[in-house]
C-alpha cells in the first residue's frame, strides 16, 4: 500500500520579520518572541485542522509577510518483500 500523509510546518523569514508580534496572538503555542521581539517558530509539525487554521491566520496577519506554511509530505510505503 502506498500513500502520502501531509502535515505542515510554520516557517519564519528572519530577514523580513519586523517584530510586530501579531503572530503570537494568533498561535501562541507555536510562536514566541525572542528578547528583541523577533518571532521564533516551533519546528513541530502541524497535523490537526484547528492548529492549521490558527497558523494560516498568523501567516495572513503578518504585515511583513515573514511567515509561511510549508507542506511536509511523508511517503508511506509497503514493507519490502
N, C-alpha and C. Protein backbone atom coordinates (compact mmCIF):
# COMPACT_ATOMS: atom_id res chain seq x y z
N UNK A 1 0.85 -1.18 0.00
CA UNK A 1 0.00 0.00 0.00
C UNK A 1 0.89 1.24 0.00
N UNK A 2 0.58 2.22 -0.86
CA UNK A 2 1.35 3.46 -0.93
C UNK A 2 0.40 4.62 -0.73
N UNK A 3 0.94 5.69 -0.17
CA UNK A 3 0.14 6.89 0.04
C UNK A 3 0.99 7.98 0.63
N UNK A 4 0.40 9.15 0.78
CA UNK A 4 1.12 10.28 1.35
C UNK A 4 0.33 10.85 2.51
N UNK A 5 0.99 11.13 3.60
CA UNK A 5 0.38 11.82 4.72
C UNK A 5 0.99 13.22 4.75
N UNK A 6 0.15 14.24 4.73
CA UNK A 6 0.68 15.60 4.69
C UNK A 6 0.41 16.30 6.01
N UNK A 7 1.44 16.94 6.51
CA UNK A 7 1.32 17.84 7.65
C UNK A 7 2.03 19.13 7.25
N UNK A 8 2.01 20.09 8.13
CA UNK A 8 2.54 21.41 7.80
C UNK A 8 3.50 21.89 8.86
N UNK A 9 4.35 22.81 8.48
CA UNK A 9 5.30 23.42 9.42
C UNK A 9 5.33 24.93 9.17
N UNK A 10 5.25 25.69 10.24
CA UNK A 10 5.41 27.14 10.13
C UNK A 10 6.88 27.47 9.91
N UNK A 11 7.13 28.43 9.06
CA UNK A 11 8.50 28.91 8.81
C UNK A 11 8.49 30.43 8.95
N UNK A 12 9.57 30.99 9.44
CA UNK A 12 9.70 32.44 9.52
C UNK A 12 10.95 32.87 8.76
N UNK A 13 10.81 33.93 7.98
CA UNK A 13 11.93 34.55 7.29
C UNK A 13 12.44 35.64 8.22
N UNK A 14 13.51 35.34 8.94
CA UNK A 14 14.04 36.26 9.93
C UNK A 14 14.42 37.62 9.37
N UNK A 15 14.80 37.67 8.11
CA UNK A 15 15.16 38.93 7.48
C UNK A 15 13.97 39.82 7.21
N UNK A 16 12.78 39.22 7.15
CA UNK A 16 11.57 40.01 6.89
C UNK A 16 10.81 40.37 8.16
N UNK A 17 11.05 39.62 9.23
CA UNK A 17 10.31 39.86 10.48
C UNK A 17 10.59 41.27 10.99
N UNK A 18 9.51 42.04 11.22
CA UNK A 18 9.63 43.41 11.70
C UNK A 18 9.21 43.57 13.16
N UNK A 19 9.06 42.45 13.87
CA UNK A 19 8.78 42.45 15.31
C UNK A 19 7.41 43.02 15.67
N UNK A 20 6.42 42.83 14.81
CA UNK A 20 5.07 43.30 15.14
C UNK A 20 4.45 42.45 16.25
N UNK A 21 4.71 41.13 16.24
CA UNK A 21 4.21 40.24 17.28
C UNK A 21 2.78 39.77 17.11
N UNK A 22 2.14 40.14 16.01
CA UNK A 22 0.75 39.72 15.77
C UNK A 22 0.65 38.20 15.69
N UNK A 23 1.66 37.57 15.17
CA UNK A 23 1.66 36.11 15.01
C UNK A 23 1.47 35.39 16.33
N UNK A 24 2.07 35.91 17.39
CA UNK A 24 1.95 35.25 18.69
C UNK A 24 0.54 35.35 19.25
N UNK A 25 -0.22 36.34 18.82
CA UNK A 25 -1.61 36.45 19.25
C UNK A 25 -2.47 35.39 18.56
N UNK A 26 -2.09 35.01 17.36
CA UNK A 26 -2.87 34.03 16.58
C UNK A 26 -2.59 32.60 17.01
N UNK A 27 -1.34 32.29 17.32
CA UNK A 27 -0.96 30.91 17.63
C UNK A 27 0.20 30.90 18.63
N UNK A 28 -0.09 31.31 19.87
CA UNK A 28 0.98 31.45 20.87
C UNK A 28 1.65 30.13 21.24
N UNK A 29 0.99 29.02 21.02
CA UNK A 29 1.62 27.73 21.36
C UNK A 29 2.67 27.31 20.34
N UNK A 30 2.74 27.99 19.20
CA UNK A 30 3.72 27.64 18.17
C UNK A 30 4.71 28.76 17.86
N UNK A 31 4.42 29.98 18.30
CA UNK A 31 5.31 31.12 18.01
C UNK A 31 5.53 31.91 19.29
N UNK A 32 6.78 32.19 19.58
CA UNK A 32 7.12 33.08 20.69
C UNK A 32 8.06 34.15 20.16
N UNK A 33 8.28 35.17 20.95
CA UNK A 33 9.18 36.25 20.56
C UNK A 33 10.46 36.17 21.36
N UNK A 34 11.58 36.43 20.69
CA UNK A 34 12.86 36.44 21.41
C UNK A 34 12.99 37.76 22.17
N UNK A 35 14.12 37.97 22.82
CA UNK A 35 14.29 39.15 23.66
C UNK A 35 14.25 40.47 22.88
N UNK A 36 14.43 40.42 21.57
CA UNK A 36 14.37 41.62 20.73
C UNK A 36 13.03 41.75 20.01
N UNK A 37 12.13 40.78 20.21
CA UNK A 37 10.80 40.85 19.60
C UNK A 37 10.67 40.12 18.28
N UNK A 38 11.69 39.38 17.86
CA UNK A 38 11.61 38.61 16.62
C UNK A 38 10.93 37.27 16.87
N UNK A 39 10.18 36.81 15.88
CA UNK A 39 9.43 35.56 16.01
C UNK A 39 10.35 34.34 15.99
N UNK A 40 10.07 33.41 16.89
CA UNK A 40 10.72 32.10 16.91
C UNK A 40 9.59 31.09 16.77
N UNK A 41 9.64 30.28 15.72
CA UNK A 41 8.55 29.33 15.48
C UNK A 41 8.96 27.92 15.88
N UNK A 42 7.99 27.17 16.33
CA UNK A 42 8.19 25.77 16.68
C UNK A 42 8.43 24.97 15.40
N UNK A 43 9.33 24.02 15.46
CA UNK A 43 9.60 23.15 14.30
C UNK A 43 8.65 21.95 14.27
N UNK A 44 7.77 21.87 15.27
CA UNK A 44 6.83 20.75 15.36
C UNK A 44 5.84 20.79 14.20
N UNK A 45 5.57 19.63 13.64
CA UNK A 45 4.62 19.53 12.52
C UNK A 45 3.21 19.85 13.00
N UNK A 46 2.45 20.45 12.12
CA UNK A 46 1.04 20.76 12.38
C UNK A 46 0.21 19.78 11.58
N UNK A 47 -0.60 18.99 12.26
CA UNK A 47 -1.39 18.00 11.54
C UNK A 47 -2.88 18.08 11.84
N UNK A 48 -3.27 18.85 12.85
CA UNK A 48 -4.70 18.95 13.14
C UNK A 48 -5.29 20.23 12.56
N UNK A 49 -6.56 20.16 12.18
CA UNK A 49 -7.23 21.24 11.46
C UNK A 49 -7.31 22.53 12.27
N UNK A 50 -7.56 22.43 13.56
CA UNK A 50 -7.70 23.63 14.39
C UNK A 50 -6.39 24.42 14.45
N UNK A 51 -5.30 23.72 14.69
CA UNK A 51 -3.99 24.38 14.75
C UNK A 51 -3.61 24.94 13.38
N UNK A 52 -3.92 24.19 12.32
CA UNK A 52 -3.62 24.66 10.97
C UNK A 52 -4.38 25.95 10.66
N UNK A 53 -5.64 26.05 11.06
CA UNK A 53 -6.41 27.29 10.83
C UNK A 53 -5.77 28.48 11.55
N UNK A 54 -5.32 28.27 12.79
CA UNK A 54 -4.67 29.36 13.52
C UNK A 54 -3.32 29.73 12.89
N UNK A 55 -2.61 28.74 12.38
CA UNK A 55 -1.34 29.01 11.69
C UNK A 55 -1.59 29.80 10.41
N UNK A 56 -2.62 29.44 9.67
CA UNK A 56 -2.97 30.18 8.45
C UNK A 56 -3.34 31.62 8.78
N UNK A 57 -4.05 31.80 9.90
CA UNK A 57 -4.41 33.15 10.34
C UNK A 57 -3.15 33.96 10.67
N UNK A 58 -2.18 33.34 11.33
CA UNK A 58 -0.93 34.03 11.65
C UNK A 58 -0.18 34.44 10.38
N UNK A 59 -0.13 33.54 9.41
CA UNK A 59 0.53 33.84 8.14
C UNK A 59 -0.15 35.03 7.46
N UNK A 60 -1.48 35.00 7.42
CA UNK A 60 -2.24 36.09 6.78
C UNK A 60 -2.11 37.42 7.53
N UNK A 61 -1.99 37.35 8.85
CA UNK A 61 -1.97 38.57 9.66
C UNK A 61 -0.61 39.26 9.70
N UNK A 62 0.45 38.58 9.29
CA UNK A 62 1.79 39.15 9.38
C UNK A 62 1.95 40.32 8.40
N UNK A 63 2.12 41.54 8.89
CA UNK A 63 2.24 42.70 8.00
C UNK A 63 3.51 42.67 7.14
N UNK A 64 4.53 41.93 7.59
CA UNK A 64 5.80 41.87 6.86
C UNK A 64 5.88 40.66 5.94
N UNK A 65 4.84 39.83 5.92
CA UNK A 65 4.84 38.59 5.13
C UNK A 65 6.06 37.73 5.46
N UNK A 66 6.40 37.67 6.74
CA UNK A 66 7.58 36.92 7.17
C UNK A 66 7.27 35.46 7.47
N UNK A 67 5.99 35.11 7.60
CA UNK A 67 5.60 33.73 7.92
C UNK A 67 5.08 33.00 6.71
N UNK A 68 5.32 31.70 6.69
CA UNK A 68 4.76 30.86 5.63
C UNK A 68 4.50 29.48 6.21
N UNK A 69 3.67 28.72 5.52
CA UNK A 69 3.41 27.32 5.86
C UNK A 69 4.03 26.46 4.79
N UNK A 70 4.80 25.47 5.19
CA UNK A 70 5.45 24.55 4.26
C UNK A 70 4.86 23.16 4.46
N UNK A 71 4.50 22.51 3.37
CA UNK A 71 3.97 21.15 3.44
C UNK A 71 5.10 20.17 3.75
N UNK A 72 4.78 19.21 4.59
CA UNK A 72 5.70 18.12 4.90
C UNK A 72 5.02 16.86 4.38
N UNK A 73 5.58 16.25 3.39
CA UNK A 73 4.98 15.05 2.79
C UNK A 73 5.81 13.85 3.17
N UNK A 74 5.19 12.91 3.85
CA UNK A 74 5.85 11.67 4.25
C UNK A 74 5.32 10.54 3.39
N UNK A 75 6.17 9.91 2.67
CA UNK A 75 5.76 8.77 1.86
C UNK A 75 5.53 7.56 2.78
N UNK A 76 4.42 6.92 2.58
CA UNK A 76 4.11 5.71 3.33
C UNK A 76 4.24 4.55 2.36
N UNK A 77 5.16 3.67 2.62
CA UNK A 77 5.45 2.57 1.68
C UNK A 77 5.18 1.24 2.33
N UNK A 78 4.83 0.28 1.47
CA UNK A 78 4.66 -1.09 1.94
C UNK A 78 6.03 -1.67 2.25
N UNK A 79 6.12 -2.57 3.21
CA UNK A 79 7.40 -3.19 3.50
C UNK A 79 7.93 -3.99 2.31
N UNK A 80 9.23 -4.03 2.17
CA UNK A 80 9.85 -4.80 1.07
C UNK A 80 9.58 -6.28 1.27
N UNK A 81 9.39 -7.00 0.16
CA UNK A 81 9.12 -8.45 0.29
C UNK A 81 10.32 -9.22 0.79
